[in-house]
Amino acid sequence: MPELHWQKSTFSAEAANCVYIATAPDGTIHLRESDTPEVVLTTGHNQLHALISHVRSPQPHP
């Protein structure tokens, strides 16, 4: 696997608890968290878009 160019999320704090994202040449998207950088979540564009849309959508209150 080629070396990935990791970018810190603009929503992450300056010091700790940062989320990083990288896109591989084959189009897969990789996510990792600064506390455990060896754990990498690999996903596709459509799946990441669906996750972000779900998180942003208003959730009903019980």
PDB file of N, CA and C in Angstrom:
ATOM      1  N   MET A   1       0.847  -1.178   0.000  1.00  0.00           N
ATOM      2  CA  MET A   1       0.000   0.000   0.000  1.00  0.00           C
ATOM      3  C   MET A   1       0.892   1.240   0.000  1.00  0.00           C
ATOM      4  N   PRO A   2       0.588   2.206  -0.856  1.00  0.00           N
ATOM      5  CA  PRO A   2       1.384   3.444  -0.862  1.00  0.00           C
ATOM      6  C   PRO A   2       1.161   4.216   0.437  1.00  0.00           C
ATOM      7  N   GLU A   3       2.120   5.047   0.790  1.00  0.00           N
ATOM      8  CA  GLU A   3       1.989   5.858   1.989  1.00  0.00           C
ATOM      9  C   GLU A   3       0.852   6.852   1.791  1.00  0.00           C
ATOM     10  N   LEU A   4       0.033   6.991   2.817  1.00  0.00           N
ATOM     11  CA  LEU A   4      -1.118   7.881   2.747  1.00  0.00           C
ATOM     12  C   LEU A   4      -0.763   9.259   3.278  1.00  0.00           C
ATOM     13  N   HIS A   5      -1.382  10.280   2.705  1.00  0.00           N
ATOM     14  CA  HIS A   5      -1.217  11.651   3.185  1.00  0.00           C
ATOM     15  C   HIS A   5      -2.418  11.954   4.093  1.00  0.00           C
ATOM     16  N   TRP A   6      -2.172  11.935   5.396  1.00  0.00           N
ATOM     17  CA  TRP A   6      -3.234  12.136   6.381  1.00  0.00           C
ATOM     18  C   TRP A   6      -3.498  13.620   6.583  1.00  0.00           C
ATOM     19  N   GLN A   7      -4.784  13.981   6.652  1.00  0.00           N
ATOM     20  CA  GLN A   7      -5.192  15.359   6.920  1.00  0.00           C
ATOM     21  C   GLN A   7      -6.071  15.373   8.159  1.00  0.00           C
ATOM     22  N   LYS A   8      -5.817  16.331   9.045  1.00  0.00           N
ATOM     23  CA  LYS A   8      -6.611  16.454  10.264  1.00  0.00           C
ATOM     24  C   LYS A   8      -7.942  17.135   9.941  1.00  0.00           C
ATOM     25  N   SER A   9      -9.003  16.611  10.520  1.00  0.00           N
ATOM     26  CA  SER A   9     -10.321  17.201  10.350  1.00  0.00           C
ATOM     27  C   SER A   9     -10.321  18.631  10.876  1.00  0.00           C
ATOM     28  N   THR A  10     -11.011  19.508  10.170  1.00  0.00           N
ATOM     29  CA  THR A  10     -11.114  20.894  10.620  1.00  0.00           C
ATOM     30  C   THR A  10     -11.981  21.015  11.868  1.00  0.00           C
ATOM     31  N   PHE A  11     -12.721  19.971  12.211  1.00  0.00           N
ATOM     32  CA  PHE A  11     -13.548  19.979  13.414  1.00  0.00           C
ATOM     33  C   PHE A  11     -12.800  19.455  14.629  1.00  0.00           C
ATOM     34  N   SER A  12     -11.572  19.006  14.458  1.00  0.00           N
ATOM     35  CA  SER A  12     -10.789  18.474  15.570  1.00  0.00           C
ATOM     36  C   SER A  12     -10.145  19.592  16.359  1.00  0.00           C
ATOM     37  N   ALA A  13      -9.953  19.334  17.637  1.00  0.00           N
ATOM     38  CA  ALA A  13      -9.279  20.298  18.502  1.00  0.00           C
ATOM     39  C   ALA A  13      -7.812  20.396  18.104  1.00  0.00           C
ATOM     40  N   GLU A  14      -7.154  21.440  18.556  1.00  0.00           N
ATOM     41  CA  GLU A  14      -5.749  21.649  18.201  1.00  0.00           C
ATOM     42  C   GLU A  14      -4.826  20.590  18.790  1.00  0.00           C
ATOM     43  N   ALA A  15      -5.062  20.142  20.018  1.00  0.00           N
ATOM     44  CA  ALA A  15      -4.090  19.295  20.706  1.00  0.00           C
ATOM     45  C   ALA A  15      -4.423  17.808  20.656  1.00  0.00           C
ATOM     46  N   ALA A  16      -5.559  17.422  21.166  1.00  0.00           N
ATOM     47  CA  ALA A  16      -5.852  15.995  21.328  1.00  0.00           C
ATOM     48  C   ALA A  16      -7.185  15.637  20.670  1.00  0.00           C
ATOM     49  N   ASN A  17      -7.434  14.323  20.639  1.00  0.00           N
ATOM     50  CA  ASN A  17      -8.690  13.800  20.106  1.00  0.00           C
ATOM     51  C   ASN A  17      -8.953  14.261  18.682  1.00  0.00           C
ATOM     52  N   CYS A  18      -7.973  14.106  17.845  1.00  0.00           N
ATOM     53  CA  CYS A  18      -8.093  14.521  16.449  1.00  0.00           C
ATOM     54  C   CYS A  18      -8.493  13.347  15.567  1.00  0.00           C
ATOM     55  N   VAL A  19      -9.288  13.639  14.564  1.00  0.00           N
ATOM     56  CA  VAL A  19      -9.663  12.661  13.552  1.00  0.00           C
ATOM     57  C   VAL A  19      -8.910  13.009  12.280  1.00  0.00           C
ATOM     58  N   TYR A  20      -8.316  11.986  11.657  1.00  0.00           N
ATOM     59  CA  TYR A  20      -7.556  12.168  10.423  1.00  0.00           C
ATOM     60  C   TYR A  20      -8.215  11.376   9.302  1.00  0.00           C
ATOM     61  N   ILE A  21      -8.096  11.886   8.088  1.00  0.00           N
ATOM     62  CA  ILE A  21      -8.655  11.232   6.912  1.00  0.00           C
ATOM     63  C   ILE A  21      -7.609  11.215   5.804  1.00  0.00           C
ATOM     64  N   ALA A  22      -7.619  10.149   5.015  1.00  0.00           N
ATOM     65  CA  ALA A  22      -6.724  10.036   3.860  1.00  0.00           C
ATOM     66  C   ALA A  22      -7.458   9.280   2.766  1.00  0.00           C
ATOM     67  N   THR A  23      -7.174   9.637   1.530  1.00  0.00           N
ATOM     68  CA  THR A  23      -7.745   8.932   0.381  1.00  0.00           C
ATOM     69  C   THR A  23      -6.616   8.221  -0.351  1.00  0.00           C
ATOM     70  N   ALA A  24      -6.803   6.933  -0.584  1.00  0.00           N
ATOM     71  CA  ALA A  24      -5.815   6.129  -1.293  1.00  0.00           C
ATOM     72  C   ALA A  24      -5.986   6.316  -2.799  1.00  0.00           C
ATOM     73  N   PRO A  25      -4.954   5.977  -3.575  1.00  0.00           N
ATOM     74  CA  PRO A  25      -5.053   6.098  -5.033  1.00  0.00           C
ATOM     75  C   PRO A  25      -6.228   5.326  -5.640  1.00  0.00           C
ATOM     76  N   ASP A  26      -6.655   4.234  -4.980  1.00  0.00           N
ATOM     77  CA  ASP A  26      -7.782   3.462  -5.512  1.00  0.00           C
ATOM     78  C   ASP A  26      -9.140   4.042  -5.128  1.00  0.00           C
ATOM     79  N   GLY A  27      -9.143   5.170  -4.398  1.00  0.00           N
ATOM     80  CA  GLY A  27     -10.381   5.846  -4.031  1.00  0.00           C
ATOM     81  C   GLY A  27     -10.931   5.483  -2.662  1.00  0.00           C
ATOM     82  N   THR A  28     -10.351   4.487  -2.002  1.00  0.00           N
ATOM     83  CA  THR A  28     -10.833   4.154  -0.667  1.00  0.00           C
ATOM     84  C   THR A  28     -10.459   5.267   0.312  1.00  0.00           C
ATOM     85  N   ILE A  29     -11.293   5.429   1.305  1.00  0.00           N
ATOM     86  CA  ILE A  29     -11.102   6.468   2.306  1.00  0.00           C
ATOM     87  C   ILE A  29     -10.700   5.802   3.611  1.00  0.00           C
ATOM     88  N   HIS A  30      -9.692   6.381   4.260  1.00  0.00           N
ATOM     89  CA  HIS A  30      -9.172   5.831   5.508  1.00  0.00           C
ATOM     90  C   HIS A  30      -9.340   6.872   6.606  1.00  0.00           C
ATOM     91  N   LEU A  31      -9.808   6.416   7.764  1.00  0.00           N
ATOM     92  CA  LEU A  31     -10.021   7.287   8.913  1.00  0.00           C
ATOM     93  C   LEU A  31      -9.256   6.724  10.101  1.00  0.00           C
ATOM     94  N   ARG A  32      -8.695   7.607  10.911  1.00  0.00           N
ATOM     95  CA  ARG A  32      -8.049   7.177  12.142  1.00  0.00           C
ATOM     96  C   ARG A  32      -8.193   8.274  13.182  1.00  0.00           C
ATOM     97  N   GLU A  33      -7.988   7.891  14.435  1.00  0.00           N
ATOM     98  CA  GLU A  33      -8.111   8.802  15.564  1.00  0.00           C
ATOM     99  C   GLU A  33      -6.735   8.945  16.195  1.00  0.00           C
ATOM    100  N   SER A  34      -6.408  10.135  16.687  1.00  0.00           N
ATOM    101  CA  SER A  34      -5.051  10.411  17.154  1.00  0.00           C
ATOM    102  C   SER A  34      -4.617   9.544  18.337  1.00  0.00           C
ATOM    103  N   ASP A  35      -5.554   9.125  19.183  1.00  0.00           N
ATOM    104  CA  ASP A  35      -5.186   8.303  20.335  1.00  0.00           C
ATOM    105  C   ASP A  35      -4.760   6.891  19.946  1.00  0.00           C
ATOM    106  N   THR A  36      -5.292   6.366  18.852  1.00  0.00           N
ATOM    107  CA  THR A  36      -4.948   5.019  18.387  1.00  0.00           C
ATOM    108  C   THR A  36      -4.718   5.052  16.874  1.00  0.00           C
ATOM    109  N   PRO A  37      -3.619   5.656  16.437  1.00  0.00           N
ATOM    110  CA  PRO A  37      -3.394   5.817  14.995  1.00  0.00           C
ATOM    111  C   PRO A  37      -3.167   4.506  14.248  1.00  0.00           C
ATOM    112  N   GLU A  38      -2.872   3.427  14.982  1.00  0.00           N
ATOM    113  CA  GLU A  38      -2.669   2.146  14.305  1.00  0.00           C
ATOM    114  C   GLU A  38      -3.989   1.481  13.906  1.00  0.00           C
ATOM    115  N   VAL A  39      -5.096   1.959  14.449  1.00  0.00           N
ATOM    116  CA  VAL A  39      -6.420   1.447  14.090  1.00  0.00           C
ATOM    117  C   VAL A  39      -6.977   2.339  12.992  1.00  0.00           C
ATOM    118  N   VAL A  40      -7.194   1.748  11.826  1.00  0.00           N
ATOM    119  CA  VAL A  40      -7.647   2.517  10.662  1.00  0.00           C
ATOM    120  C   VAL A  40      -8.950   1.919  10.140  1.00  0.00           C
ATOM    121  N   LEU A  41      -9.940   2.766   9.967  1.00  0.00           N
ATOM    122  CA  LEU A  41     -11.214   2.379   9.370  1.00  0.00           C
ATOM    123  C   LEU A  41     -11.132   2.682   7.881  1.00  0.00           C
ATOM    124  N   THR A  42     -11.428   1.694   7.063  1.00  0.00           N
ATOM    125  CA  THR A  42     -11.397   1.868   5.616  1.00  0.00           C
ATOM    126  C   THR A  42     -12.824   1.779   5.084  1.00  0.00           C
ATOM    127  N   THR A  43     -13.183   2.733   4.248  1.00  0.00           N
ATOM    128  CA  THR A  43     -14.547   2.784   3.731  1.00  0.00           C
ATOM    129  C   THR A  43     -14.537   3.376   2.322  1.00  0.00           C
ATOM    130  N   GLY A  44     -15.690   3.470   1.747  1.00  0.00           N
ATOM    131  CA  GLY A  44     -15.845   4.083   0.433  1.00  0.00           C
ATOM    132  C   GLY A  44     -16.554   5.423   0.545  1.00  0.00           C
ATOM    133  N   HIS A  45     -16.559   6.161  -0.544  1.00  0.00           N
ATOM    134  CA  HIS A  45     -17.171   7.494  -0.573  1.00  0.00           C
ATOM    135  C   HIS A  45     -18.653   7.432  -0.219  1.00  0.00           C
ATOM    136  N   ASN A  46     -19.397   6.518  -0.832  1.00  0.00           N
ATOM    137  CA  ASN A  46     -20.843   6.442  -0.590  1.00  0.00           C
ATOM    138  C   ASN A  46     -21.161   6.094   0.858  1.00  0.00           C
ATOM    139  N   GLN A  47     -20.392   5.177   1.437  1.00  0.00           N
ATOM    140  CA  GLN A  47     -20.617   4.774   2.819  1.00  0.00           C
ATOM    141  C   GLN A  47     -20.309   5.919   3.785  1.00  0.00           C
ATOM    142  N   LEU A  48     -19.217   6.642   3.545  1.00  0.00           N
ATOM    143  CA  LEU A  48     -18.867   7.771   4.402  1.00  0.00           C
ATOM    144  C   LEU A  48     -19.915   8.870   4.284  1.00  0.00           C
ATOM    145  N   HIS A  49     -20.379   9.125   3.072  1.00  0.00           N
ATOM    146  CA  HIS A  49     -21.422  10.129   2.864  1.00  0.00           C
ATOM    147  C   HIS A  49     -22.692   9.751   3.626  1.00  0.00           C
ATOM    148  N   ALA A  50     -23.075   8.482   3.581  1.00  0.00           N
ATOM    149  CA  ALA A  50     -24.269   8.023   4.295  1.00  0.00           C
ATOM    150  C   ALA A  50     -24.101   8.193   5.802  1.00  0.00           C
ATOM    151  N   LEU A  51     -22.935   7.883   6.331  1.00  0.00           N
ATOM    152  CA  LEU A  51     -22.678   8.039   7.757  1.00  0.00           C
ATOM    153  C   LEU A  51     -22.771   9.503   8.169  1.00  0.00           C
ATOM    154  N   ILE A  52     -22.126  10.383   7.429  1.00  0.00           N
ATOM    155  CA  ILE A  52     -22.145  11.809   7.761  1.00  0.00           C
ATOM    156  C   ILE A  52     -23.567  12.359   7.654  1.00  0.00           C
ATOM    157  N   SER A  53     -24.304  11.964   6.644  1.00  0.00           N
ATOM    158  CA  SER A  53     -25.696  12.421   6.492  1.00  0.00           C
ATOM    159  C   SER A  53     -26.544  11.969   7.676  1.00  0.00           C
ATOM    160  N   HIS A  54     -26.339  10.742   8.114  1.00  0.00           N
ATOM    161  CA  HIS A  54     -27.103  10.223   9.253  1.00  0.00           C
ATOM    162  C   HIS A  54     -26.757  10.981  10.532  1.00  0.00           C
ATOM    163  N   VAL A  55     -25.475  11.235  10.751  1.00  0.00           N
ATOM    164  CA  VAL A  55     -25.050  11.930  11.961  1.00  0.00           C
ATOM    165  C   VAL A  55     -25.581  13.363  11.966  1.00  0.00           C
ATOM    166  N   ARG A  56     -25.632  13.991  10.825  1.00  0.00           N
ATOM    167  CA  ARG A  56     -26.110  15.380  10.729  1.00  0.00           C
ATOM    168  C   ARG A  56     -27.622  15.505  10.813  1.00  0.00           C
ATOM    169  N   SER A  57     -28.349  14.440  10.514  1.00  0.00           N
ATOM    170  CA  SER A  57     -29.811  14.534  10.486  1.00  0.00           C
ATOM    171  C   SER A  57     -30.362  14.665  11.904  1.00  0.00           C
ATOM    172  N   PRO A  58     -31.436  15.441  12.030  1.00  0.00           N
ATOM    173  CA  PRO A  58     -32.053  15.586  13.352  1.00  0.00           C
ATOM    174  C   PRO A  58     -32.560  14.237  13.855  1.00  0.00           C
ATOM    175  N   GLN A  59     -32.288  13.945  15.090  1.00  0.00           N
ATOM    176  CA  GLN A  59     -32.723  12.693  15.689  1.00  0.00           C
ATOM    177  C   GLN A  59     -33.949  12.967  16.573  1.00  0.00           C
ATOM    178  N   PRO A  60     -34.972  12.115  16.479  1.00  0.00           N
ATOM    179  CA  PRO A  60     -36.169  12.319  17.328  1.00  0.00           C
ATOM    180  C   PRO A  60     -35.820  12.078  18.797  1.00  0.00           C
ATOM    181  N   HIS A  61     -36.434  12.847  19.650  1.00  0.00           N
ATOM    182  CA  HIS A  61     -36.241  12.679  21.091  1.00  0.00           C
ATOM    183  C   HIS A  61     -37.259  11.681  21.613  1.00  0.00           C
ATOM    184  N   PRO A  62     -36.830  10.813  22.515  1.00  0.00           N
ATOM    185  CA  PRO A  62     -37.791   9.811  23.078  1.00  0.00           C
ATOM    186  C   PRO A  62     -38.853  10.448  23.919  1.00  0.00           C
TER     187      PRO A  62
END
